[in-house]
N, C-alpha and C. Protein backbone atom coordinates (compact mmCIF):
# COMPACT_ATOMS: atom_id res chain seq x y z
N MET A 1 0.46 -0.91 0.17
CA MET A 1 -0.28 0.03 -0.11
C MET A 1 0.65 1.31 0.06
N THR A 2 0.89 2.34 -0.61
CA THR A 2 2.08 3.44 -1.19
C THR A 2 0.29 4.45 -0.72
N VAL A 3 1.14 5.79 -0.49
CA VAL A 3 0.33 7.12 -0.32
C VAL A 3 -0.68 7.15 -1.39
N ALA A 4 -0.29 6.54 -2.46
CA ALA A 4 -0.95 6.97 -4.20
C ALA A 4 -2.67 6.11 -3.83
N ASP A 5 -2.45 5.64 -2.93
CA ASP A 5 -3.04 4.01 -2.54
C ASP A 5 -4.47 4.42 -1.76
N PHE A 6 -3.86 5.27 -0.84
CA PHE A 6 -4.74 5.82 0.45
C PHE A 6 -5.49 7.59 -0.51
N ALA A 7 -4.74 8.18 -1.19
CA ALA A 7 -5.33 9.33 -2.14
C ALA A 7 -6.51 8.72 -2.98
N LEU A 8 -6.74 7.77 -3.73
CA LEU A 8 -7.55 7.47 -4.22
C LEU A 8 -8.91 6.49 -3.80
N LEU A 9 -8.07 5.98 -2.49
CA LEU A 9 -9.22 5.19 -1.98
C LEU A 9 -10.30 5.93 -1.63
N ALA A 10 -10.37 7.11 -1.04
CA ALA A 10 -11.47 7.87 -0.91
C ALA A 10 -12.34 8.07 -2.15
N SER A 11 -12.00 8.37 -3.33
CA SER A 11 -12.54 8.88 -4.58
C SER A 11 -13.20 7.46 -4.76
N ILE A 12 -12.44 6.37 -5.30
CA ILE A 12 -12.53 5.01 -5.91
C ILE A 12 -13.61 4.47 -5.02
N SER A 13 -13.78 4.30 -3.75
CA SER A 13 -14.66 3.86 -3.11
C SER A 13 -16.17 4.64 -3.29
N THR A 14 -16.19 5.66 -3.01
CA THR A 14 -17.39 6.56 -3.05
C THR A 14 -18.46 6.44 -4.37
N ILE A 15 -16.82 6.27 -5.74
CA ILE A 15 -18.13 6.57 -6.59
C ILE A 15 -18.80 5.02 -6.58
N ASP A 16 -18.04 4.17 -5.98
CA ASP A 16 -17.96 2.27 -5.82
C ASP A 16 -19.80 2.81 -5.72
N ALA A 17 -19.43 2.97 -4.36
CA ALA A 17 -20.80 2.99 -3.62
C ALA A 17 -21.86 3.92 -3.66
N ILE A 18 -21.79 4.93 -4.94
CA ILE A 18 -23.30 5.79 -5.33
C ILE A 18 -23.80 4.97 -6.52
N ASP A 19 -23.24 3.63 -6.85
CA ASP A 19 -23.67 2.76 -7.96
C ASP A 19 -23.23 3.07 -9.27
N PHE A 20 -21.85 3.77 -9.11
CA PHE A 20 -21.97 3.99 -10.43
C PHE A 20 -21.21 2.60 -10.69
N TYR A 21 -21.09 2.20 -12.11
CA TYR A 21 -21.27 1.14 -12.67
C TYR A 21 -19.75 0.47 -13.07
N MET A 22 -18.97 -0.18 -12.16
CA MET A 22 -17.55 -0.35 -12.46
C MET A 22 -17.05 -1.98 -12.32
N LYS A 23 -18.61 -2.86 -12.71
CA LYS A 23 -17.92 -4.27 -13.03
C LYS A 23 -17.02 -4.39 -14.12
N ASN A 24 -17.29 -3.91 -15.23
CA ASN A 24 -15.96 -4.25 -16.00
C ASN A 24 -14.97 -3.97 -15.52
N TYR A 25 -14.66 -3.46 -14.44
CA TYR A 25 -13.03 -2.91 -14.12
C TYR A 25 -12.71 -3.65 -12.51
N GLU A 26 -12.44 -5.53 -13.40
CA GLU A 26 -12.34 -6.05 -12.60
C GLU A 26 -10.86 -5.63 -11.51
N LYS A 27 -10.00 -5.13 -11.94
CA LYS A 27 -8.72 -5.23 -11.31
C LYS A 27 -8.89 -3.59 -10.16
N ILE A 28 -10.01 -3.22 -10.81
CA ILE A 28 -10.19 -1.74 -9.41
C ILE A 28 -11.31 -2.67 -8.58
N GLN A 29 -11.96 -3.65 -8.81
CA GLN A 29 -12.66 -4.09 -7.98
C GLN A 29 -12.03 -5.24 -7.21
N ASN A 30 -10.99 -5.87 -7.31
CA ASN A 30 -10.02 -6.49 -6.49
C ASN A 30 -9.52 -5.45 -5.77
N TRP A 31 -9.31 -4.45 -5.88
CA TRP A 31 -8.07 -3.38 -5.61
C TRP A 31 -8.46 -2.49 -4.33
N LEU A 32 -10.74 -2.29 -4.59
CA LEU A 32 -10.76 -2.40 -3.33
C LEU A 32 -11.37 -2.85 -2.22
N LYS A 33 -11.31 -4.39 -2.80
CA LYS A 33 -11.75 -5.42 -1.69
C LYS A 33 -10.51 -5.89 -0.89
N ASN A 34 -9.69 -5.62 -1.78
CA ASN A 34 -7.78 -5.65 -0.80
C ASN A 34 -8.25 -4.49 0.74
N CYS A 35 -8.50 -3.19 0.26
CA CYS A 35 -8.26 -2.14 0.90
C CYS A 35 -9.72 -2.26 1.67
N SER A 36 -10.67 -2.49 1.55
CA SER A 36 -11.44 -2.66 2.43
C SER A 36 -11.12 -4.04 3.39
N GLU A 37 -10.31 -4.89 3.44
CA GLU A 37 -10.14 -5.70 4.56
C GLU A 37 -8.27 -4.96 5.60
N MET A 38 -8.27 -3.31 5.43
CA MET A 38 -7.23 -3.50 5.78
C MET A 38 -7.49 -2.76 7.03
N LYS A 39 -7.34 -2.16 8.24
CA LYS A 39 -8.03 -1.59 9.56
C LYS A 39 -7.71 -0.49 9.59
N TYR A 40 -7.57 0.27 8.56
CA TYR A 40 -7.30 1.89 8.29
C TYR A 40 -9.00 2.09 7.44
N TYR A 41 -9.34 1.45 6.62
CA TYR A 41 -10.78 1.14 5.96
C TYR A 41 -11.70 2.27 6.86
N GLY A 42 -12.30 1.41 8.28
CA GLY A 42 -12.96 1.89 9.00
C GLY A 42 -13.54 3.80 8.78
N ALA A 43 -12.12 4.44 8.79
CA ALA A 43 -12.49 5.94 8.66
C ALA A 43 -12.89 6.19 7.27
N ASN A 44 -12.72 5.43 6.28
CA ASN A 44 -12.96 5.96 4.95
C ASN A 44 -14.58 5.11 5.08
N LYS A 45 -14.93 4.35 5.76
CA LYS A 45 -16.60 3.65 5.07
C LYS A 45 -17.58 4.32 5.72
N LYS A 46 -17.00 5.39 7.33
CA LYS A 46 -17.82 6.46 7.49
C LYS A 46 -17.59 7.84 6.46
N GLY A 47 -16.98 7.95 6.04
CA GLY A 47 -17.07 8.94 5.09
C GLY A 47 -18.21 8.47 3.86
N ILE A 48 -18.07 6.95 3.67
CA ILE A 48 -18.65 7.14 2.29
C ILE A 48 -20.23 6.63 3.15
N GLY A 49 -20.41 6.39 3.90
CA GLY A 49 -22.08 6.39 4.62
C GLY A 49 -22.30 7.73 4.33
N GLU A 50 -21.89 8.79 5.00
CA GLU A 50 -22.58 10.06 5.04
C GLU A 50 -22.64 10.59 3.17
N ILE A 51 -21.78 10.49 1.91
CA ILE A 51 -22.34 10.73 1.21
C ILE A 51 -23.09 9.96 0.59
N VAL A 52 -23.16 8.93 0.47
CA VAL A 52 -24.23 7.97 0.09
C VAL A 52 -25.90 8.60 0.94
N SER A 53 -25.88 8.68 2.48
CA SER A 53 -26.74 9.32 2.70
C SER A 53 -27.40 10.77 2.16
N LEU A 54 -25.94 11.73 1.65
CA LEU A 54 -26.55 12.27 1.41
C LEU A 54 -27.74 12.29 -0.15
N LEU A 55 -27.07 11.67 -0.98
CA LEU A 55 -27.72 11.71 -2.40
C LEU A 55 -28.79 10.46 -2.19
N ARG A 56 -28.72 9.61 -1.49
CA ARG A 56 -30.05 8.59 -1.09
C ARG A 56 -31.38 9.75 -0.96
N PRO A 57 -32.84 8.81 -1.75
CA PRO A 57 -33.61 9.81 -1.39
C PRO A 57 -34.07 10.10 0.12
N LYS A 58 -34.54 11.24 0.52
CA LYS A 58 -35.02 11.59 2.01
C LYS A 58 -35.87 10.75 2.48
N ASP A 59 -36.87 10.71 1.35
CA ASP A 59 -39.02 10.50 1.60
C ASP A 59 -39.20 8.90 2.23
N ALA A 60 -39.20 8.67 3.25
CA ALA A 60 -39.10 6.92 3.53
C ALA A 60 -40.34 6.62 2.91
N ASN A 61 -41.44 6.92 2.22
CA ASN A 61 -42.22 6.20 1.67
C ASN A 61 -42.01 5.85 0.59
N LYS A 62 -40.77 6.42 -0.15
CA LYS A 62 -40.41 5.39 -1.58
C LYS A 62 -40.03 3.93 -1.69
N ARG A 63 -40.27 3.62 -2.01
CA ARG A 63 -39.96 1.83 -2.61
C ARG A 63 -38.68 1.64 -2.68
N GLU A 64 -38.27 2.16 -3.57
CA GLU A 64 -36.66 2.24 -4.04
C GLU A 64 -35.93 2.76 -3.23
N ASN A 65 -34.96 2.53 -2.75
CA ASN A 65 -33.54 3.45 -1.76
C ASN A 65 -32.63 3.47 -2.91
N LYS A 66 -33.03 4.04 -4.35
CA LYS A 66 -31.63 4.25 -5.01
C LYS A 66 -30.93 5.56 -4.59
N ILE A 67 -30.27 5.63 -5.39
CA ILE A 67 -29.19 6.54 -5.67
C ILE A 67 -29.69 7.70 -6.68
N ASN A 68 -30.26 8.83 -6.13
CA ASN A 68 -30.70 9.71 -6.70
C ASN A 68 -29.35 10.01 -8.46
N ASN A 69 -30.13 10.02 -9.73
CA ASN A 69 -29.24 10.04 -10.55
C ASN A 69 -28.55 11.39 -10.63
N ASN A 70 -29.47 12.34 -10.83
CA ASN A 70 -29.24 13.63 -10.68
C ASN A 70 -28.32 14.00 -9.89
N LYS A 71 -28.62 13.68 -8.56
CA LYS A 71 -27.63 14.29 -7.59
C LYS A 71 -25.84 13.54 -7.62
N LYS A 72 -26.34 12.01 -8.28
CA LYS A 72 -24.73 11.43 -8.42
C LYS A 72 -24.24 12.36 -9.71
N SER A 73 -25.12 12.38 -10.60
CA SER A 73 -23.90 13.28 -11.40
C SER A 73 -23.75 14.79 -11.42
N GLN A 74 -24.04 15.45 -10.26
CA GLN A 74 -23.98 16.48 -9.53
C GLN A 74 -22.68 16.23 -9.50
N TYR A 75 -22.60 15.33 -7.86
CA TYR A 75 -21.24 14.98 -7.42
C TYR A 75 -20.23 14.73 -7.72
N LEU A 76 -19.77 13.73 -9.07
CA LEU A 76 -19.47 13.58 -9.69
C LEU A 76 -18.63 14.38 -10.84
N GLU A 77 -19.27 15.52 -11.25
CA GLU A 77 -19.03 16.87 -11.87
C GLU A 77 -18.09 17.39 -10.75
N ILE A 78 -18.45 17.62 -9.22
CA ILE A 78 -17.66 18.55 -8.41
C ILE A 78 -16.46 17.82 -7.93
N ILE A 79 -16.42 16.25 -8.00
CA ILE A 79 -14.94 15.80 -7.83
C ILE A 79 -14.55 15.64 -8.87
N PHE A 80 -14.51 15.53 -10.23
CA PHE A 80 -13.96 14.82 -11.32
C PHE A 80 -13.83 16.60 -11.87
N GLY A 81 -14.54 16.98 -12.17
CA GLY A 81 -14.62 18.59 -12.99
C GLY A 81 -15.42 18.40 -14.19
N ALA A 82 -15.84 17.23 -14.51
CA ALA A 82 -16.34 16.65 -15.59
C ALA A 82 -17.79 16.11 -15.82
N LYS A 83 -18.61 16.53 -16.82
CA LYS A 83 -20.19 15.86 -16.53
C LYS A 83 -20.03 14.60 -16.79
N PHE A 84 -21.26 13.72 -16.39
CA PHE A 84 -21.11 12.30 -16.62
C PHE A 84 -22.40 11.71 -16.93
């Protein structure tokens, strides 16, 4: 594990958590799995939970608990400076 891995972990794990389709990226999925098994991952997981809760609908009556696609696009645009 390098400093670069720690720097990327927050962004990549958040992208994965907000349902961005990453199934085609097997090496990234394996890397995330390995990172999630580290003792330091708990701090990252807390932040991911906070971001996901901001992007999920607040309406408890909604049957689907999916990420709001409009908010997801806005979030990715803020993080990467590009439209998705």
